[in-house]
């Protein structure tokens, strides 16, 4: 298997995120949709308890992955209050040699 640079991002929601996110949700979903459409994001979603969002991103390095998330409206409007970005070994059809 060959793994490309991939990062697991956990974005912690603010305590009042249920209310805080509403005015920014459409823009946030558009941002995530773009990352998924161009293949930058392999996965994006939220934990069922709404404590955090989780993304798996393709990026050259952790700083680039963090920058992608810092452009999200949820980060810019403090719906997310903390970001954790770590190296991640994502098995994808491409890394397994399938197309």
C-alpha atoms as a PDB file:
ATOM      1  CA  UNK A   1       0.000   0.000   0.000  1.00  0.00           C
ATOM      2  CA  UNK A   2       1.082   3.530  -0.693  1.00  0.00           C
ATOM      3  CA  UNK A   3      -0.327   6.212   1.579  1.00  0.00           C
ATOM      4  CA  UNK A   4      -0.538   9.838   0.532  1.00  0.00           C
ATOM      5  CA  UNK A   5      -0.316  12.638   3.114  1.00  0.00           C
ATOM      6  CA  UNK A   6      -3.631  12.476   4.951  1.00  0.00           C
ATOM      7  CA  UNK A   7      -4.721  14.172   8.180  1.00  0.00           C
ATOM      8  CA  UNK A   8      -7.415  13.463  10.746  1.00  0.00           C
ATOM      9  CA  UNK A   9      -8.942  16.716  11.953  1.00  0.00           C
ATOM     10  CA  UNK A  10     -11.129  16.915  15.026  1.00  0.00           C
ATOM     11  CA  UNK A  11     -12.880  20.265  15.424  1.00  0.00           C
ATOM     12  CA  UNK A  12     -14.452  20.736  18.852  1.00  0.00           C
ATOM     13  CA  UNK A  13     -17.837  22.441  18.965  1.00  0.00           C
ATOM     14  CA  UNK A  14     -18.543  25.391  21.268  1.00  0.00           C
ATOM     15  CA  UNK A  15     -20.859  24.593  24.180  1.00  0.00           C
ATOM     16  CA  UNK A  16     -23.625  26.589  22.480  1.00  0.00           C
ATOM     17  CA  UNK A  17     -22.900  25.284  18.973  1.00  0.00           C
ATOM     18  CA  UNK A  18     -26.473  24.108  18.388  1.00  0.00           C
ATOM     19  CA  UNK A  19     -27.550  27.762  18.370  1.00  0.00           C
ATOM     20  CA  UNK A  20     -24.311  29.357  17.175  1.00  0.00           C
ATOM     21  CA  UNK A  21     -24.041  27.241  14.007  1.00  0.00           C
ATOM     22  CA  UNK A  22     -27.453  28.050  12.482  1.00  0.00           C
ATOM     23  CA  UNK A  23     -26.531  31.334  10.746  1.00  0.00           C
ATOM     24  CA  UNK A  24     -23.371  29.734   9.290  1.00  0.00           C
ATOM     25  CA  UNK A  25     -24.579  26.220   8.474  1.00  0.00           C
ATOM     26  CA  UNK A  26     -25.330  26.781   4.768  1.00  0.00           C
ATOM     27  CA  UNK A  27     -21.893  28.316   4.162  1.00  0.00           C
ATOM     28  CA  UNK A  28     -20.213  25.576   6.215  1.00  0.00           C
ATOM     29  CA  UNK A  29     -21.936  22.818   4.235  1.00  0.00           C
ATOM     30  CA  UNK A  30     -20.962  24.515   0.957  1.00  0.00           C
ATOM     31  CA  UNK A  31     -17.321  24.627   2.115  1.00  0.00           C
ATOM     32  CA  UNK A  32     -17.344  20.945   3.073  1.00  0.00           C
ATOM     33  CA  UNK A  33     -19.174  20.004  -0.136  1.00  0.00           C
ATOM     34  CA  UNK A  34     -16.374  21.666  -2.121  1.00  0.00           C
ATOM     35  CA  UNK A  35     -13.671  19.768  -0.214  1.00  0.00           C
ATOM     36  CA  UNK A  36     -15.474  16.483  -0.824  1.00  0.00           C
ATOM     37  CA  UNK A  37     -16.158  17.249  -4.494  1.00  0.00           C
ATOM     38  CA  UNK A  38     -12.538  18.014  -5.345  1.00  0.00           C
ATOM     39  CA  UNK A  39     -11.226  15.031  -3.371  1.00  0.00           C
ATOM     40  CA  UNK A  40      -9.473  17.077  -0.697  1.00  0.00           C
ATOM     41  CA  UNK A  41     -11.771  15.617   1.962  1.00  0.00           C
ATOM     42  CA  UNK A  42     -12.111  11.852   2.062  1.00  0.00           C
ATOM     43  CA  UNK A  43     -14.651  12.023   4.883  1.00  0.00           C
ATOM     44  CA  UNK A  44     -16.481  14.741   6.781  1.00  0.00           C
ATOM     45  CA  UNK A  45     -19.112  14.597   9.472  1.00  0.00           C
ATOM     46  CA  UNK A  46     -19.976  15.252  13.084  1.00  0.00           C
ATOM     47  CA  UNK A  47     -19.957  13.026  16.111  1.00  0.00           C
ATOM     48  CA  UNK A  48     -23.524  11.983  16.962  1.00  0.00           C
ATOM     49  CA  UNK A  49     -23.313  13.798  20.299  1.00  0.00           C
ATOM     50  CA  UNK A  50     -22.318  17.015  18.452  1.00  0.00           C
ATOM     51  CA  UNK A  51     -19.182  17.399  20.536  1.00  0.00           C
ATOM     52  CA  UNK A  52     -16.944  17.614  17.461  1.00  0.00           C
ATOM     53  CA  UNK A  53     -16.706  17.446  13.715  1.00  0.00           C
ATOM     54  CA  UNK A  54     -14.298  14.970  12.150  1.00  0.00           C
ATOM     55  CA  UNK A  55     -12.650  15.327   8.747  1.00  0.00           C
ATOM     56  CA  UNK A  56     -10.075  13.255   6.905  1.00  0.00           C
ATOM     57  CA  UNK A  57      -8.204  15.560   4.554  1.00  0.00           C
ATOM     58  CA  UNK A  58      -5.602  15.171   1.841  1.00  0.00           C
ATOM     59  CA  UNK A  59      -2.986  17.894   2.230  1.00  0.00           C
ATOM     60  CA  UNK A  60       0.775  18.267   1.774  1.00  0.00           C
ATOM     61  CA  UNK A  61       1.307  18.740   5.518  1.00  0.00           C
ATOM     62  CA  UNK A  62      -0.488  19.399   8.804  1.00  0.00           C
ATOM     63  CA  UNK A  63      -0.262  23.171   8.410  1.00  0.00           C
ATOM     64  CA  UNK A  64      -2.024  22.979   5.023  1.00  0.00           C
ATOM     65  CA  UNK A  65      -4.719  20.711   6.475  1.00  0.00           C
ATOM     66  CA  UNK A  66      -5.254  23.126   9.349  1.00  0.00           C
ATOM     67  CA  UNK A  67      -5.489  26.059   6.915  1.00  0.00           C
ATOM     68  CA  UNK A  68      -8.254  24.262   4.999  1.00  0.00           C
ATOM     69  CA  UNK A  69     -10.297  23.958   8.181  1.00  0.00           C
ATOM     70  CA  UNK A  70      -9.527  27.514   9.317  1.00  0.00           C
ATOM     71  CA  UNK A  71     -11.244  28.739   6.129  1.00  0.00           C
ATOM     72  CA  UNK A  72     -14.476  27.040   7.196  1.00  0.00           C
ATOM     73  CA  UNK A  73     -17.226  29.388   8.423  1.00  0.00           C
ATOM     74  CA  UNK A  74     -17.611  27.309  11.577  1.00  0.00           C
ATOM     75  CA  UNK A  75     -14.027  28.153  12.578  1.00  0.00           C
ATOM     76  CA  UNK A  76     -14.219  31.799  11.505  1.00  0.00           C
ATOM     77  CA  UNK A  77     -17.421  32.308  13.535  1.00  0.00           C
ATOM     78  CA  UNK A  78     -16.298  30.293  16.599  1.00  0.00           C
ATOM     79  CA  UNK A  79     -18.778  27.453  16.185  1.00  0.00           C
ATOM     80  CA  UNK A  80     -15.638  25.320  16.560  1.00  0.00           C
ATOM     81  CA  UNK A  81     -13.376  26.310  19.430  1.00  0.00           C
ATOM     82  CA  UNK A  82     -10.395  23.978  18.992  1.00  0.00           C
ATOM     83  CA  UNK A  83      -8.735  22.050  16.181  1.00  0.00           C
ATOM     84  CA  UNK A  84      -6.636  18.911  16.496  1.00  0.00           C
ATOM     85  CA  UNK A  85      -4.757  17.894  13.333  1.00  0.00           C
ATOM     86  CA  UNK A  86      -2.806  14.613  13.273  1.00  0.00           C
ATOM     87  CA  UNK A  87      -1.171  12.444  10.620  1.00  0.00           C
ATOM     88  CA  UNK A  88      -3.527   9.710   9.491  1.00  0.00           C
ATOM     89  CA  UNK A  89      -2.919   6.590   7.399  1.00  0.00           C
ATOM     90  CA  UNK A  90      -6.092   6.405   5.318  1.00  0.00           C
ATOM     91  CA  UNK A  91      -6.700   3.216   3.354  1.00  0.00           C
ATOM     92  CA  UNK A  92      -8.520   4.207   0.183  1.00  0.00           C
ATOM     93  CA  UNK A  93      -9.240   2.305  -3.022  1.00  0.00           C
ATOM     94  CA  UNK A  94      -6.294   4.166  -4.581  1.00  0.00           C
ATOM     95  CA  UNK A  95      -3.886   3.300  -1.736  1.00  0.00           C
ATOM     96  CA  UNK A  96      -4.969  -0.348  -2.021  1.00  0.00           C
ATOM     97  CA  UNK A  97      -4.182  -0.368  -5.733  1.00  0.00           C
ATOM     98  CA  UNK A  98      -7.808  -0.381  -6.946  1.00  0.00           C
ATOM     99  CA  UNK A  99      -9.399   2.280  -9.085  1.00  0.00           C
END
